[in-house]
PDB file of all heavy atoms in Angstrom:
ATOM      1  N   SER A   1      86.998 152.012 168.308  1.00  0.00           N
ATOM      2  CA  SER A   1      86.497 151.197 167.217  1.00  0.00           C
ATOM      3  C   SER A   1      85.226 150.546 167.622  1.00  0.00           C
ATOM      4  O   SER A   1      84.975 150.262 168.788  1.00  0.00           O
ATOM      5  CB  SER A   1      87.540 150.101 166.861  1.00  0.00           C
ATOM      6  OG  SER A   1      87.079 149.205 165.888  1.00  0.00           O
ATOM      7  N   THR A   2      84.349 150.308 166.622  1.00  0.00           N
ATOM      8  CA  THR A   2      83.117 149.538 166.876  1.00  0.00           C
ATOM      9  C   THR A   2      83.354 148.072 166.509  1.00  0.00           C
ATOM     10  O   THR A   2      82.469 147.266 166.736  1.00  0.00           O
ATOM     11  CB  THR A   2      81.952 150.098 166.075  1.00  0.00           C
ATOM     12  OG1 THR A   2      82.266 150.133 164.664  1.00  0.00           O
ATOM     13  CG2 THR A   2      81.587 151.533 166.530  1.00  0.00           C
ATOM     14  N   ASP A   3      84.517 147.740 165.925  1.00  0.00           N
ATOM     15  CA  ASP A   3      84.853 146.408 165.500  1.00  0.00           C
ATOM     16  C   ASP A   3      86.181 146.007 166.060  1.00  0.00           C
ATOM     17  O   ASP A   3      87.238 146.333 165.489  1.00  0.00           O
ATOM     18  CB  ASP A   3      84.814 146.280 164.008  1.00  0.00           C
ATOM     19  CG  ASP A   3      85.123 144.891 163.478  1.00  0.00           C
ATOM     20  OD1 ASP A   3      85.254 143.932 164.291  1.00  0.00           O
ATOM     21  OD2 ASP A   3      85.286 144.711 162.271  1.00  0.00           O
ATOM     22  N   ILE A   4      86.171 145.414 167.230  1.00  0.00           N
ATOM     23  CA  ILE A   4      87.429 145.083 167.916  1.00  0.00           C
ATOM     24  C   ILE A   4      88.273 144.043 167.116  1.00  0.00           C
ATOM     25  O   ILE A   4      89.474 143.917 167.339  1.00  0.00           O
ATOM     26  CB  ILE A   4      87.178 144.603 169.356  1.00  0.00           C
ATOM     27  CG1 ILE A   4      88.460 144.708 170.168  1.00  0.00           C
ATOM     28  CG2 ILE A   4      86.555 143.197 169.369  1.00  0.00           C
ATOM     29  CD1 ILE A   4      88.234 144.520 171.671  1.00  0.00           C
ATOM     30  N   GLY A   5      87.646 143.314 166.226  1.00  0.00           N
ATOM     31  CA  GLY A   5      88.383 142.251 165.464  1.00  0.00           C
ATOM     32  C   GLY A   5      89.166 142.776 164.307  1.00  0.00           C
ATOM     33  O   GLY A   5      89.913 142.022 163.674  1.00  0.00           O
ATOM     34  N   SER A   6      89.076 144.052 163.959  1.00  0.00           N
ATOM     35  CA  SER A   6      89.770 144.593 162.791  1.00  0.00           C
ATOM     36  C   SER A   6      90.840 145.578 163.205  1.00  0.00           C
ATOM     37  O   SER A   6      90.558 146.529 163.888  1.00  0.00           O
ATOM     38  CB  SER A   6      88.765 145.319 161.868  1.00  0.00           C
ATOM     39  OG  SER A   6      89.417 145.995 160.826  1.00  0.00           O
ATOM     40  N   ASN A   7      92.076 145.316 162.767  1.00  0.00           N
ATOM     41  CA  ASN A   7      93.186 146.247 163.055  1.00  0.00           C
ATOM     42  C   ASN A   7      93.044 147.555 162.311  1.00  0.00           C
ATOM     43  O   ASN A   7      93.643 148.519 162.632  1.00  0.00           O
ATOM     44  CB  ASN A   7      94.495 145.594 162.752  1.00  0.00           C
ATOM     45  CG  ASN A   7      94.936 144.633 163.838  1.00  0.00           C
ATOM     46  OD1 ASN A   7      94.493 144.761 164.985  1.00  0.00           O
ATOM     47  ND2 ASN A   7      95.710 143.637 163.482  1.00  0.00           N
ATOM     48  N   ASP A   8      92.253 147.570 161.188  1.00  0.00           N
ATOM     49  CA  ASP A   8      92.141 148.730 160.361  1.00  0.00           C
ATOM     50  C   ASP A   8      90.984 149.680 160.843  1.00  0.00           C
ATOM     51  O   ASP A   8      90.835 150.733 160.318  1.00  0.00           O
ATOM     52  CB  ASP A   8      91.804 148.337 158.917  1.00  0.00           C
ATOM     53  CG  ASP A   8      92.976 147.553 158.326  1.00  0.00           C
ATOM     54  OD1 ASP A   8      94.128 147.756 158.753  1.00  0.00           O
ATOM     55  OD2 ASP A   8      92.713 146.692 157.452  1.00  0.00           O
ATOM     56  N   ALA A   9      90.227 149.258 161.828  1.00  0.00           N
ATOM     57  CA  ALA A   9      88.991 149.998 162.228  1.00  0.00           C
ATOM     58  C   ALA A   9      89.231 150.966 163.365  1.00  0.00           C
ATOM     59  O   ALA A   9      88.277 151.499 163.913  1.00  0.00           O
ATOM     60  CB  ALA A   9      87.909 149.051 162.537  1.00  0.00           C
ATOM     61  N   TRP A  10      90.486 151.210 163.789  1.00  0.00           N
ATOM     62  CA  TRP A  10      90.763 152.062 164.946  1.00  0.00           C
ATOM     63  C   TRP A  10      90.987 153.482 164.471  1.00  0.00           C
ATOM     64  O   TRP A  10      91.759 153.732 163.552  1.00  0.00           O
ATOM     65  CB  TRP A  10      91.947 151.535 165.659  1.00  0.00           C
ATOM     66  CG  TRP A  10      91.726 150.267 166.350  1.00  0.00           C
ATOM     67  CD1 TRP A  10      91.919 148.998 165.880  1.00  0.00           C
ATOM     68  CD2 TRP A  10      91.090 150.041 167.598  1.00  0.00           C
ATOM     69  NE1 TRP A  10      91.536 148.032 166.747  1.00  0.00           N
ATOM     70  CE2 TRP A  10      90.997 148.661 167.843  1.00  0.00           C
ATOM     71  CE3 TRP A  10      90.623 150.911 168.610  1.00  0.00           C
ATOM     72  CZ2 TRP A  10      90.493 148.126 169.028  1.00  0.00           C
ATOM     73  CZ3 TRP A  10      90.089 150.333 169.786  1.00  0.00           C
ATOM     74  CH2 TRP A  10      89.999 148.965 169.953  1.00  0.00           C
ATOM     75  N   ASP A  11      90.333 154.499 165.131  1.00  0.00           N
ATOM     76  CA  ASP A  11      90.437 155.881 164.821  1.00  0.00           C
ATOM     77  C   ASP A  11      90.829 156.652 166.052  1.00  0.00           C
ATOM     78  O   ASP A  11      90.352 156.310 167.177  1.00  0.00           O
ATOM     79  CB  ASP A  11      89.121 156.424 164.287  1.00  0.00           C
ATOM     80  CG  ASP A  11      88.715 155.781 162.950  1.00  0.00           C
ATOM     81  OD1 ASP A  11      89.567 155.752 162.048  1.00  0.00           O
ATOM     82  OD2 ASP A  11      87.560 155.325 162.894  1.00  0.00           O
ATOM     83  N   PRO A  12      91.598 157.736 165.896  1.00  0.00           N
ATOM     84  CA  PRO A  12      91.898 158.594 167.074  1.00  0.00           C
ATOM     85  C   PRO A  12      90.619 159.185 167.590  1.00  0.00           C
ATOM     86  O   PRO A  12      89.709 159.576 166.844  1.00  0.00           O
ATOM     87  CB  PRO A  12      92.846 159.669 166.495  1.00  0.00           C
ATOM     88  CG  PRO A  12      93.391 159.089 165.229  1.00  0.00           C
ATOM     89  CD  PRO A  12      92.319 158.152 164.702  1.00  0.00           C
ATOM     90  N   VAL A  13      90.547 159.282 168.924  1.00  0.00           N
ATOM     91  CA  VAL A  13      89.438 159.958 169.594  1.00  0.00           C
ATOM     92  C   VAL A  13      89.717 161.474 169.637  1.00  0.00           C
ATOM     93  O   VAL A  13      90.731 161.865 170.148  1.00  0.00           O
ATOM     94  CB  VAL A  13      89.227 159.391 171.007  1.00  0.00           C
ATOM     95  CG1 VAL A  13      88.125 160.197 171.733  1.00  0.00           C
ATOM     96  CG2 VAL A  13      88.890 157.926 170.950  1.00  0.00           C
ATOM     97  N   PRO A  14      88.845 162.288 169.046  1.00  0.00           N
ATOM     98  CA  PRO A  14      89.058 163.734 169.100  1.00  0.00           C
ATOM     99  C   PRO A  14      88.777 164.307 170.459  1.00  0.00           C
ATOM    100  O   PRO A  14      88.016 163.794 171.216  1.00  0.00           O
ATOM    101  CB  PRO A  14      88.059 164.271 168.039  1.00  0.00           C
ATOM    102  CG  PRO A  14      86.984 163.302 168.023  1.00  0.00           C
ATOM    103  CD  PRO A  14      87.625 161.935 168.316  1.00  0.00           C
ATOM    104  N   GLY A  15      89.426 165.488 170.732  1.00  0.00           N
ATOM    105  CA  GLY A  15      89.125 166.214 171.956  1.00  0.00           C
ATOM    106  C   GLY A  15      89.880 165.846 173.196  1.00  0.00           C
ATOM    107  O   GLY A  15      89.565 166.298 174.321  1.00  0.00           O
ATOM    108  N   VAL A  16      90.918 164.998 173.020  1.00  0.00           N
ATOM    109  CA  VAL A  16      91.745 164.549 174.191  1.00  0.00           C
ATOM    110  C   VAL A  16      92.606 165.753 174.632  1.00  0.00           C
ATOM    111  O   VAL A  16      93.358 166.309 173.798  1.00  0.00           O
ATOM    112  CB  VAL A  16      92.581 163.323 173.891  1.00  0.00           C
ATOM    113  CG1 VAL A  16      93.485 162.968 175.060  1.00  0.00           C
ATOM    114  CG2 VAL A  16      91.719 162.144 173.522  1.00  0.00           C
ATOM    115  N   VAL A  17      92.496 166.136 175.904  1.00  0.00           N
ATOM    116  CA  VAL A  17      93.311 167.194 176.438  1.00  0.00           C
ATOM    117  C   VAL A  17      93.896 166.735 177.789  1.00  0.00           C
ATOM    118  O   VAL A  17      93.152 166.239 178.639  1.00  0.00           O
ATOM    119  CB  VAL A  17      92.473 168.479 176.659  1.00  0.00           C
ATOM    120  CG1 VAL A  17      93.294 169.571 177.350  1.00  0.00           C
ATOM    121  CG2 VAL A  17      91.869 168.947 175.387  1.00  0.00           C
ATOM    122  N   ASN A  18      95.222 166.870 177.939  1.00  0.00           N
ATOM    123  CA  ASN A  18      95.894 166.429 179.161  1.00  0.00           C
ATOM    124  C   ASN A  18      95.550 164.969 179.520  1.00  0.00           C
ATOM    125  O   ASN A  18      95.295 164.621 180.633  1.00  0.00           O
ATOM    126  CB  ASN A  18      95.559 167.340 180.332  1.00  0.00           C
ATOM    127  CG  ASN A  18      96.056 168.748 180.135  1.00  0.00           C
ATOM    128  OD1 ASN A  18      97.135 168.920 179.532  1.00  0.00           O
ATOM    129  ND2 ASN A  18      95.288 169.720 180.594  1.00  0.00           N
ATOM    130  N   ASN A  19      95.589 164.145 178.462  1.00  0.00           N
ATOM    131  CA  ASN A  19      95.340 162.661 178.602  1.00  0.00           C
ATOM    132  C   ASN A  19      93.947 162.360 179.199  1.00  0.00           C
ATOM    133  O   ASN A  19      93.786 161.404 179.936  1.00  0.00           O
ATOM    134  CB  ASN A  19      96.431 162.017 179.458  1.00  0.00           C
ATOM    135  CG  ASN A  19      97.777 162.040 178.837  1.00  0.00           C
ATOM    136  OD1 ASN A  19      97.934 162.541 177.672  1.00  0.00           O
ATOM    137  ND2 ASN A  19      98.754 161.558 179.492  1.00  0.00           N
ATOM    138  N   SER A  20      92.979 163.138 178.815  1.00  0.00           N
ATOM    139  CA  SER A  20      91.574 162.952 179.311  1.00  0.00           C
ATOM    140  C   SER A  20      90.564 163.431 178.254  1.00  0.00           C
ATOM    141  O   SER A  20      90.814 164.421 177.572  1.00  0.00           O
ATOM    142  CB  SER A  20      91.391 163.708 180.601  1.00  0.00           C
ATOM    143  OG  SER A  20      90.083 163.507 181.100  1.00  0.00           O
ATOM    144  N   VAL A  21      89.482 162.706 178.172  1.00  0.00           N
ATOM    145  CA  VAL A  21      88.360 163.175 177.322  1.00  0.00           C
ATOM    146  C   VAL A  21      87.048 162.722 177.901  1.00  0.00           C
ATOM    147  O   VAL A  21      86.958 161.634 178.474  1.00  0.00           O
ATOM    148  CB  VAL A  21      88.550 162.624 175.855  1.00  0.00           C
ATOM    149  CG1 VAL A  21      88.439 161.133 175.796  1.00  0.00           C
ATOM    150  CG2 VAL A  21      87.571 163.268 174.887  1.00  0.00           C
ATOM    151  N   THR A  22      86.013 163.555 177.735  1.00  0.00           N
ATOM    152  CA  THR A  22      84.645 163.182 178.189  1.00  0.00           C
ATOM    153  C   THR A  22      83.815 163.066 176.943  1.00  0.00           C
ATOM    154  O   THR A  22      83.806 164.006 176.143  1.00  0.00           O
ATOM    155  CB  THR A  22      84.122 164.225 179.150  1.00  0.00           C
ATOM    156  OG1 THR A  22      84.960 164.232 180.323  1.00  0.00           O
ATOM    157  CG2 THR A  22      82.687 163.841 179.609  1.00  0.00           C
ATOM    158  N   LEU A  23      83.076 161.998 176.847  1.00  0.00           N
ATOM    159  CA  LEU A  23      82.246 161.712 175.654  1.00  0.00           C
ATOM    160  C   LEU A  23      80.820 161.466 175.995  1.00  0.00           C
ATOM    161  O   LEU A  23      80.512 160.817 177.049  1.00  0.00           O
ATOM    162  CB  LEU A  23      82.764 160.441 174.970  1.00  0.00           C
ATOM    163  CG  LEU A  23      84.251 160.454 174.530  1.00  0.00           C
ATOM    164  CD1 LEU A  23      84.652 159.068 174.051  1.00  0.00           C
ATOM    165  CD2 LEU A  23      84.464 161.497 173.453  1.00  0.00           C
ATOM    166  N   ASP A  24      79.934 161.965 175.227  1.00  0.00           N
ATOM    167  CA  ASP A  24      78.461 161.715 175.424  1.00  0.00           C
ATOM    168  C   ASP A  24      78.153 160.389 174.746  1.00  0.00           C
ATOM    169  O   ASP A  24      78.498 160.155 173.623  1.00  0.00           O
ATOM    170  CB  ASP A  24      77.662 162.826 174.739  1.00  0.00           C
ATOM    171  CG  ASP A  24      76.131 162.638 174.960  1.00  0.00           C
ATOM    172  OD1 ASP A  24      75.733 161.665 175.587  1.00  0.00           O
ATOM    173  OD2 ASP A  24      75.405 163.486 174.412  1.00  0.00           O
ATOM    174  N   ILE A  25      77.573 159.444 175.492  1.00  0.00           N
ATOM    175  CA  ILE A  25      77.314 158.128 174.936  1.00  0.00           C
ATOM    176  C   ILE A  25      75.867 157.895 174.573  1.00  0.00           C
ATOM    177  O   ILE A  25      75.446 156.776 174.287  1.00  0.00           O
ATOM    178  CB  ILE A  25      77.795 157.033 175.948  1.00  0.00           C
ATOM    179  CG1 ILE A  25      77.143 157.161 177.328  1.00  0.00           C
ATOM    180  CG2 ILE A  25      79.332 157.068 176.041  1.00  0.00           C
ATOM    181  CD1 ILE A  25      77.415 156.022 178.229  1.00  0.00           C
ATOM    182  N   THR A  26      75.076 158.952 174.583  1.00  0.00           N
ATOM    183  CA  THR A  26      73.654 158.827 174.218  1.00  0.00           C
ATOM    184  C   THR A  26      73.516 158.338 172.768  1.00  0.00           C
ATOM    185  O   THR A  26      74.031 158.954 171.888  1.00  0.00           O
ATOM    186  CB  THR A  26      72.927 160.179 174.356  1.00  0.00           C
ATOM    187  OG1 THR A  26      73.100 160.689 175.676  1.00  0.00           O
ATOM    188  CG2 THR A  26      71.443 160.110 174.042  1.00  0.00           C
ATOM    189  N   GLY A  27      72.887 157.222 172.610  1.00  0.00           N
ATOM    190  CA  GLY A  27      72.614 156.679 171.265  1.00  0.00           C
ATOM    191  C   GLY A  27      73.835 156.101 170.552  1.00  0.00           C
ATOM    192  O   GLY A  27      73.810 155.817 169.358  1.00  0.00           O
ATOM    193  N   VAL A  28      74.967 155.948 171.257  1.00  0.00           N
ATOM    194  CA  VAL A  28      76.166 155.408 170.656  1.00  0.00           C
ATOM    195  C   VAL A  28      76.127 153.896 170.744  1.00  0.00           C
ATOM    196  O   VAL A  28      75.938 153.367 171.795  1.00  0.00           O
ATOM    197  CB  VAL A  28      77.443 156.018 171.409  1.00  0.00           C
ATOM    198  CG1 VAL A  28      78.711 155.404 170.848  1.00  0.00           C
ATOM    199  CG2 VAL A  28      77.430 157.545 171.231  1.00  0.00           C
ATOM    200  N   PRO A  29      76.419 153.210 169.605  1.00  0.00           N
ATOM    201  CA  PRO A  29      76.473 151.792 169.670  1.00  0.00           C
ATOM    202  C   PRO A  29      77.770 151.356 170.454  1.00  0.00           C
ATOM    203  O   PRO A  29      78.540 152.187 170.915  1.00  0.00           O
ATOM    204  CB  PRO A  29      76.593 151.342 168.251  1.00  0.00           C
ATOM    205  CG  PRO A  29      77.216 152.473 167.530  1.00  0.00           C
ATOM    206  CD  PRO A  29      76.731 153.715 168.310  1.00  0.00           C
ATOM    207  N   LYS A  30      77.930 150.035 170.588  1.00  0.00           N
ATOM    208  CA  LYS A  30      79.118 149.570 171.309  1.00  0.00           C
ATOM    209  C   LYS A  30      80.357 150.238 170.769  1.00  0.00           C
ATOM    210  O   LYS A  30      80.449 150.571 169.598  1.00  0.00           O
ATOM    211  CB  LYS A  30      79.252 148.027 171.206  1.00  0.00           C
ATOM    212  CG  LYS A  30      79.571 147.566 169.754  1.00  0.00           C
ATOM    213  CD  LYS A  30      79.666 146.086 169.723  1.00  0.00           C
ATOM    214  CE  LYS A  30      79.894 145.693 168.241  1.00  0.00           C
ATOM    215  NZ  LYS A  30      79.936 144.291 168.063  1.00  0.00           N
ATOM    216  N   ASN A  31      81.308 150.437 171.646  1.00  0.00           N
ATOM    217  CA  ASN A  31      82.557 151.102 171.275  1.00  0.00           C
ATOM    218  C   ASN A  31      83.663 150.544 172.135  1.00  0.00           C
ATOM    219  O   ASN A  31      83.514 150.276 173.353  1.00  0.00           O
ATOM    220  CB  ASN A  31      82.436 152.613 171.542  1.00  0.00           C
ATOM    221  CG  ASN A  31      82.908 153.475 170.408  1.00  0.00           C
ATOM    222  OD1 ASN A  31      83.947 153.140 169.808  1.00  0.00           O
ATOM    223  ND2 ASN A  31      82.231 154.563 170.179  1.00  0.00           N
ATOM    224  N   PHE A  32      84.805 150.264 171.509  1.00  0.00           N
ATOM    225  CA  PHE A  32      85.979 149.783 172.215  1.00  0.00           C
ATOM    226  C   PHE A  32      87.053 150.870 172.161  1.00  0.00           C
ATOM    227  O   PHE A  32      87.137 151.618 171.244  1.00  0.00           O
ATOM    228  CB  PHE A  32      86.475 148.548 171.480  1.00  0.00           C
ATOM    229  CG  PHE A  32      85.481 147.408 171.442  1.00  0.00           C
ATOM    230  CD1 PHE A  32      84.706 147.299 170.326  1.00  0.00           C
ATOM    231  CD2 PHE A  32      85.343 146.555 172.521  1.00  0.00           C
ATOM    232  CE1 PHE A  32      83.748 146.254 170.237  1.00  0.00           C
ATOM    233  CE2 PHE A  32      84.357 145.535 172.437  1.00  0.00           C
ATOM    234  CZ  PHE A  32      83.575 145.423 171.334  1.00  0.00           C
ATOM    235  N   PHE A  33      87.878 150.900 173.239  1.00  0.00           N
ATOM    236  CA  PHE A  33      88.894 151.991 173.357  1.00  0.00           C
ATOM    237  C   PHE A  33      90.271 151.291 173.612  1.00  0.00           C
ATOM    238  O   PHE A  33      90.302 150.211 174.296  1.00  0.00           O
ATOM    239  CB  PHE A  33      88.603 152.934 174.461  1.00  0.00           C
ATOM    240  CG  PHE A  33      87.358 153.730 174.212  1.00  0.00           C
ATOM    241  CD1 PHE A  33      86.126 153.304 174.688  1.00  0.00           C
ATOM    242  CD2 PHE A  33      87.393 154.902 173.488  1.00  0.00           C
ATOM    243  CE1 PHE A  33      84.972 154.020 174.462  1.00  0.00           C
ATOM    244  CE2 PHE A  33      86.234 155.637 173.234  1.00  0.00           C
ATOM    245  CZ  PHE A  33      85.001 155.211 173.711  1.00  0.00           C
ATOM    246  N   ARG A  34      91.299 151.923 173.144  1.00  0.00           N
ATOM    247  CA  ARG A  34      92.652 151.408 173.422  1.00  0.00           C
ATOM    248  C   ARG A  34      93.603 152.605 173.415  1.00  0.00           C
ATOM    249  O   ARG A  34      93.318 153.670 172.830  1.00  0.00           O
ATOM    250  CB  ARG A  34      93.132 150.381 172.409  1.00  0.00           C
ATOM    251  CG  ARG A  34      93.442 150.957 171.019  1.00  0.00           C
ATOM    252  CD  ARG A  34      93.951 149.906 170.120  1.00  0.00           C
ATOM    253  NE  ARG A  34      94.318 150.411 168.791  1.00  0.00           N
ATOM    254  CZ  ARG A  34      94.687 149.766 167.776  1.00  0.00           C
ATOM    255  NH1 ARG A  34      94.752 148.415 167.854  1.00  0.00           N
ATOM    256  NH2 ARG A  34      95.061 150.344 166.643  1.00  0.00           N
ATOM    257  N   LEU A  35      94.747 152.429 174.051  1.00  0.00           N
ATOM    258  CA  LEU A  35      95.821 153.378 173.979  1.00  0.00           C
ATOM    259  C   LEU A  35      96.908 152.746 173.056  1.00  0.00           C
ATOM    260  O   LEU A  35      97.257 151.608 173.225  1.00  0.00           O
ATOM    261  CB  LEU A  35      96.406 153.686 175.343  1.00  0.00           C
ATOM    262  CG  LEU A  35      95.535 154.519 176.238  1.00  0.00           C
ATOM    263  CD1 LEU A  35      96.157 154.559 177.655  1.00  0.00           C
ATOM    264  CD2 LEU A  35      95.392 155.934 175.696  1.00  0.00           C
ATOM    265  N   ARG A  36      97.407 153.580 172.120  1.00  0.00           N
ATOM    266  CA  ARG A  36      98.512 153.156 171.222  1.00  0.00           C
ATOM    267  C   ARG A  36      99.640 154.100 171.370  1.00  0.00           C
ATOM    268  O   ARG A  36      99.485 155.359 171.369  1.00  0.00           O
ATOM    269  CB  ARG A  36      97.989 153.130 169.780  1.00  0.00           C
ATOM    270  CG  ARG A  36      99.033 152.622 168.782  1.00  0.00           C
ATOM    271  CD  ARG A  36      98.525 152.582 167.378  1.00  0.00           C
ATOM    272  NE  ARG A  36      97.968 153.813 166.865  1.00  0.00           N
ATOM    273  CZ  ARG A  36      98.727 154.811 166.394  1.00  0.00           C
ATOM    274  NH1 ARG A  36     100.046 154.734 166.308  1.00  0.00           N
ATOM    275  NH2 ARG A  36      98.140 155.897 165.957  1.00  0.00           N
ATOM    276  N   LYS A  37     100.846 153.551 171.476  1.00  0.00           N
ATOM    277  CA  LYS A  37     102.055 154.355 171.612  1.00  0.00           C
ATOM    278  C   LYS A  37     102.250 155.175 170.305  1.00  0.00           C
ATOM    279  O   LYS A  37     102.249 154.639 169.229  1.00  0.00           O
ATOM    280  CB  LYS A  37     103.249 153.493 171.893  1.00  0.00           C
ATOM    281  CG  LYS A  37     104.568 154.263 172.069  1.00  0.00           C
ATOM    282  CD  LYS A  37     104.584 155.008 173.408  1.00  0.00           C
ATOM    283  CE  LYS A  37     105.944 155.633 173.614  1.00  0.00           C
ATOM    284  NZ  LYS A  37     105.867 156.907 174.201  1.00  0.00           N
ATOM    285  N   ASN A  38     102.399 156.478 170.449  1.00  0.00           N
ATOM    286  CA  ASN A  38     102.672 157.334 169.319  1.00  0.00           C
ATOM    287  C   ASN A  38     104.095 157.088 168.848  1.00  0.00           C
ATOM    288  O   ASN A  38     105.028 157.240 169.668  1.00  0.00           O
ATOM    289  CB  ASN A  38     102.475 158.798 169.707  1.00  0.00           C
ATOM    290  CG  ASN A  38     102.416 159.747 168.565  1.00  0.00           C
ATOM    291  OD1 ASN A  38     102.379 159.322 167.411  1.00  0.00           O
ATOM    292  ND2 ASN A  38     102.372 160.984 168.849  1.00  0.00           N
ATOM    293  N   PRO A  39     104.295 156.684 167.592  1.00  0.00           N
ATOM    294  CA  PRO A  39     105.639 156.413 167.115  1.00  0.00           C
ATOM    295  C   PRO A  39     106.532 157.580 167.152  1.00  0.00           C
ATOM    296  O   PRO A  39     106.220 158.696 167.111  1.00  0.00           O
ATOM    297  CB  PRO A  39     105.459 155.892 165.682  1.00  0.00           C
ATOM    298  CG  PRO A  39     104.019 156.157 165.339  1.00  0.00           C
ATOM    299  CD  PRO A  39     103.315 156.570 166.565  1.00  0.00           C
TER     300      PRO A  39
END
């Protein structure tokens, strides 16, 4: 999410494989990450 204060602003990160993902951060604004238990 780019807005840590909003519970509605969280999106799944694409491309996760074996609990790992590499992302290019060139030109990316602030970003927050979290792990959420899959129901």
